[in-house]
Amino acid sequence: MAMGITLIAFLFILGILLLIAIYFISVYNSLVRYRVEVDNSWSQIDVQLKRRHDLIPNLVETVKGVMDFEKGTLTQVMQARSAAMGATNQADRVKAENDITTGLGRLLAVWENYPTLKSNENASQLQEELTSTENKIAYVRGHYNDVVANFNALTQQFPSNLVAGPFGFQSKEFMKAADSDKEVPQVKL
């Protein structure tokens, strides 16, 4: 009888340990899946940023003769593009990309003041492509932040944080809007 109770206790403890192991494996696999999803989301942003980087020199060449007043903005956009392409870490790249977004926003805002540009088919097509690319960038940034939120929640919640910490899963940075994007626009009538 004592041997039967010992065997039952042993099987019970073995069952508990097996359930704990299955749980840890499941959490680990979830963390890996989310980390891969975060990396994939960043690469989707990267694809759209590359497209924007390719459009910028064409845009600058098209408008630089017409938009003499905006040379400072054009220079700022090109400098930010160079900084983004030469960035060695994600934080520097995000800052440079935010500078590009700010400069392009200013450029597109004053575009309407130049009838020559509005009538130039090349310029109009570039403006449309750039606007489309900016919309895609905004969309993939939103998706990236959603995936990062899920990953960060999993790395910080108990008990999954007991798996995340020892295996080196660390929270990821969100994509944030540039400080200039947070300013309230001035409307003059």
Protein backbone atom coordinates (compact mmCIF):
# COMPACT_ATOMS: atom_id res chain seq x y z
CA MET A 1 0.00 0.00 0.00
CA ALA A 2 2.81 2.44 0.88
CA MET A 3 4.48 1.73 -2.45
CA GLY A 4 1.24 2.55 -4.28
CA ILE A 5 0.95 5.90 -2.50
CA THR A 6 4.60 6.68 -3.24
CA LEU A 7 4.08 5.85 -6.92
CA ILE A 8 0.98 8.05 -7.08
CA ALA A 9 2.83 10.92 -5.36
CA PHE A 10 5.76 10.48 -7.75
CA LEU A 11 3.47 10.50 -10.81
CA PHE A 12 1.62 13.53 -9.44
CA ILE A 13 4.87 15.46 -8.95
CA LEU A 14 6.10 14.32 -12.37
CA GLY A 15 2.81 15.52 -13.91
CA ILE A 16 3.15 18.94 -12.22
CA LEU A 17 6.75 19.27 -13.43
CA LEU A 18 5.70 18.27 -16.93
CA LEU A 19 2.93 20.91 -16.94
CA ILE A 20 5.41 23.55 -15.73
CA ALA A 21 7.88 22.55 -18.47
CA ILE A 22 5.16 22.71 -21.13
CA TYR A 23 4.14 26.15 -19.86
CA PHE A 24 7.72 27.46 -19.97
CA ILE A 25 8.23 26.07 -23.48
CA SER A 26 4.96 27.66 -24.62
CA VAL A 27 5.89 31.06 -23.18
CA TYR A 28 9.40 30.87 -24.65
CA ASN A 29 7.96 30.07 -28.09
CA SER A 30 5.51 32.97 -27.80
CA LEU A 31 8.34 35.34 -26.93
CA VAL A 32 10.35 34.13 -29.91
CA ARG A 33 7.34 34.54 -32.21
CA TYR A 34 6.73 38.11 -31.02
CA ARG A 35 10.41 39.01 -31.31
CA VAL A 36 10.41 37.76 -34.90
CA GLU A 37 7.21 39.73 -35.55
CA VAL A 38 8.83 42.89 -34.14
CA ASP A 39 11.87 42.36 -36.38
CA ASN A 40 9.63 41.74 -39.39
CA SER A 41 7.62 44.88 -38.65
CA TRP A 42 10.82 46.91 -38.44
CA SER A 43 11.95 45.50 -41.79
CA GLN A 44 8.59 46.56 -43.31
CA ILE A 45 9.27 50.09 -42.07
CA ASP A 46 12.77 49.81 -43.49
CA VAL A 47 11.40 48.92 -46.95
CA GLN A 48 9.19 52.03 -46.98
CA LEU A 49 12.01 54.23 -45.66
CA LYS A 50 14.28 52.95 -48.44
CA ARG A 51 11.60 53.88 -50.96
CA ARG A 52 11.41 57.36 -49.43
CA HIS A 53 15.19 57.68 -49.51
CA ASP A 54 15.13 56.80 -53.21
CA LEU A 55 12.42 59.40 -53.94
CA ILE A 56 14.05 62.29 -52.08
CA PRO A 57 16.94 63.02 -54.52
CA ASN A 58 14.49 63.03 -57.45
CA LEU A 59 12.18 65.34 -55.56
CA VAL A 60 14.99 67.71 -54.62
CA GLU A 61 16.27 67.82 -58.21
CA THR A 62 12.79 68.53 -59.52
CA VAL A 63 11.97 71.36 -57.12
CA LYS A 64 15.30 73.00 -56.33
CA GLY A 65 15.24 75.39 -59.27
CA VAL A 66 11.67 76.44 -58.59
CA MET A 67 11.66 76.62 -54.80
CA ASP A 68 14.53 79.05 -54.21
CA PHE A 69 12.89 80.24 -50.99
CA GLU A 70 12.86 76.71 -49.58
CA LYS A 71 16.56 75.84 -50.09
CA GLY A 72 17.06 75.53 -46.33
CA THR A 73 14.29 72.94 -46.14
CA LEU A 74 15.74 71.02 -49.09
CA THR A 75 19.18 71.06 -47.48
CA GLN A 76 17.72 69.89 -44.15
CA VAL A 77 15.91 67.00 -45.87
CA MET A 78 19.07 65.89 -47.69
CA GLN A 79 21.16 66.12 -44.50
CA ALA A 80 18.57 64.12 -42.57
CA ARG A 81 18.52 61.53 -45.38
CA SER A 82 22.31 61.19 -45.16
CA ALA A 83 22.12 60.89 -41.37
CA ALA A 84 19.43 58.20 -41.63
CA MET A 85 21.37 56.20 -44.18
CA GLY A 86 24.54 56.44 -42.09
CA ALA A 87 22.96 55.76 -38.70
CA THR A 88 24.62 52.96 -36.76
CA ASN A 89 21.78 52.29 -34.33
CA GLN A 90 18.00 52.33 -34.35
CA ALA A 91 17.63 55.37 -32.08
CA ASP A 92 19.78 57.59 -34.33
CA ARG A 93 17.98 56.30 -37.39
CA VAL A 94 14.55 57.02 -35.90
CA LYS A 95 15.64 60.57 -35.02
CA ALA A 96 16.96 61.19 -38.55
CA GLU A 97 13.81 59.71 -40.09
CA ASN A 98 11.69 62.00 -37.92
CA ASP A 99 13.77 64.94 -39.21
CA ILE A 100 13.06 63.80 -42.78
CA THR A 101 9.34 63.58 -42.01
CA THR A 102 9.37 67.11 -40.58
CA GLY A 103 11.26 68.55 -43.55
CA LEU A 104 9.11 66.78 -46.12
CA GLY A 105 6.00 67.94 -44.31
CA ARG A 106 7.15 71.56 -44.56
CA LEU A 107 8.10 71.07 -48.20
CA LEU A 108 4.75 69.57 -49.14
CA ALA A 109 2.91 72.25 -47.17
CA VAL A 110 4.41 75.08 -49.23
CA TRP A 111 4.16 73.13 -52.49
CA GLU A 112 0.84 74.78 -53.28
CA ASN A 113 2.51 78.21 -53.34
CA TYR A 114 4.40 77.29 -56.51
CA PRO A 115 2.13 77.12 -59.58
CA THR A 116 5.07 75.97 -61.72
CA LEU A 117 5.40 72.86 -59.57
CA LYS A 118 1.68 72.18 -59.55
CA SER A 119 1.67 72.21 -63.35
CA ASN A 120 4.85 70.10 -63.68
CA GLU A 121 3.78 66.50 -64.32
CA ASN A 122 7.03 65.03 -62.95
CA ALA A 123 6.73 67.07 -59.77
CA SER A 124 3.09 66.11 -59.33
CA GLN A 125 3.89 62.43 -59.79
CA LEU A 126 6.76 62.65 -57.28
CA GLN A 127 4.50 64.44 -54.81
CA GLU A 128 1.88 61.72 -55.19
CA GLU A 129 4.44 58.92 -54.76
CA LEU A 130 5.94 60.64 -51.73
CA THR A 131 2.53 61.20 -50.14
CA SER A 132 1.65 57.54 -50.76
CA THR A 133 4.96 56.43 -49.25
CA GLU A 134 4.44 58.65 -46.19
CA ASN A 135 1.00 57.08 -45.69
CA LYS A 136 2.51 53.59 -45.92
CA ILE A 137 5.22 54.55 -43.44
CA ALA A 138 2.57 55.80 -41.00
CA TYR A 139 0.64 52.55 -41.38
CA VAL A 140 3.64 50.23 -40.86
CA ARG A 141 4.82 52.32 -37.90
CA GLY A 142 1.41 51.81 -36.31
CA HIS A 143 1.62 48.07 -36.92
CA TYR A 144 5.14 48.01 -35.49
CA ASN A 145 3.94 49.75 -32.31
CA ASP A 146 1.07 47.25 -31.97
CA VAL A 147 3.47 44.31 -32.21
CA VAL A 148 5.94 45.96 -29.82
CA ALA A 149 3.10 46.53 -27.32
CA ASN A 150 2.21 42.82 -27.40
CA PHE A 151 5.84 41.76 -27.06
CA ASN A 152 6.52 44.21 -24.22
CA ALA A 153 3.41 43.10 -22.35
CA LEU A 154 4.50 39.48 -22.58
CA THR A 155 8.04 40.29 -21.35
CA GLN A 156 6.70 42.24 -18.37
CA GLN A 157 3.66 40.23 -17.24
CA PHE A 158 3.90 37.66 -14.50
CA PRO A 159 4.64 34.76 -14.86
CA SER A 160 5.93 35.08 -18.44
CA ASN A 161 8.55 37.57 -17.19
CA LEU A 162 10.11 34.61 -15.34
CA VAL A 163 10.93 33.15 -18.76
CA ALA A 164 11.69 36.44 -20.55
CA GLY A 165 14.32 37.70 -18.11
CA PRO A 166 16.61 34.67 -17.93
CA PHE A 167 16.47 34.14 -21.70
CA GLY A 168 17.34 37.76 -22.52
CA PHE A 169 14.04 38.96 -23.94
CA GLN A 170 14.04 42.71 -23.35
CA SER A 171 11.36 45.29 -24.06
CA LYS A 172 11.56 47.05 -27.43
CA GLU A 173 11.32 50.78 -28.15
CA PHE A 174 8.14 52.21 -29.63
CA MET A 175 8.26 54.42 -32.71
CA LYS A 176 7.41 57.90 -31.51
CA ALA A 177 6.33 60.98 -33.42
CA ALA A 178 8.85 63.75 -33.90
CA ASP A 179 8.54 66.59 -31.42
CA SER A 180 7.59 68.92 -34.28
CA ASP A 181 4.66 66.62 -35.14
CA LYS A 182 3.25 67.20 -31.66
CA GLU A 183 3.00 70.96 -32.10
CA VAL A 184 -0.43 72.43 -32.69
CA PRO A 185 -0.57 73.88 -36.21
CA GLN A 186 -1.19 77.60 -36.51
CA VAL A 187 -4.20 78.39 -38.69
CA LYS A 188 -4.38 81.92 -40.07
CA LEU A 189 -7.49 83.02 -41.88
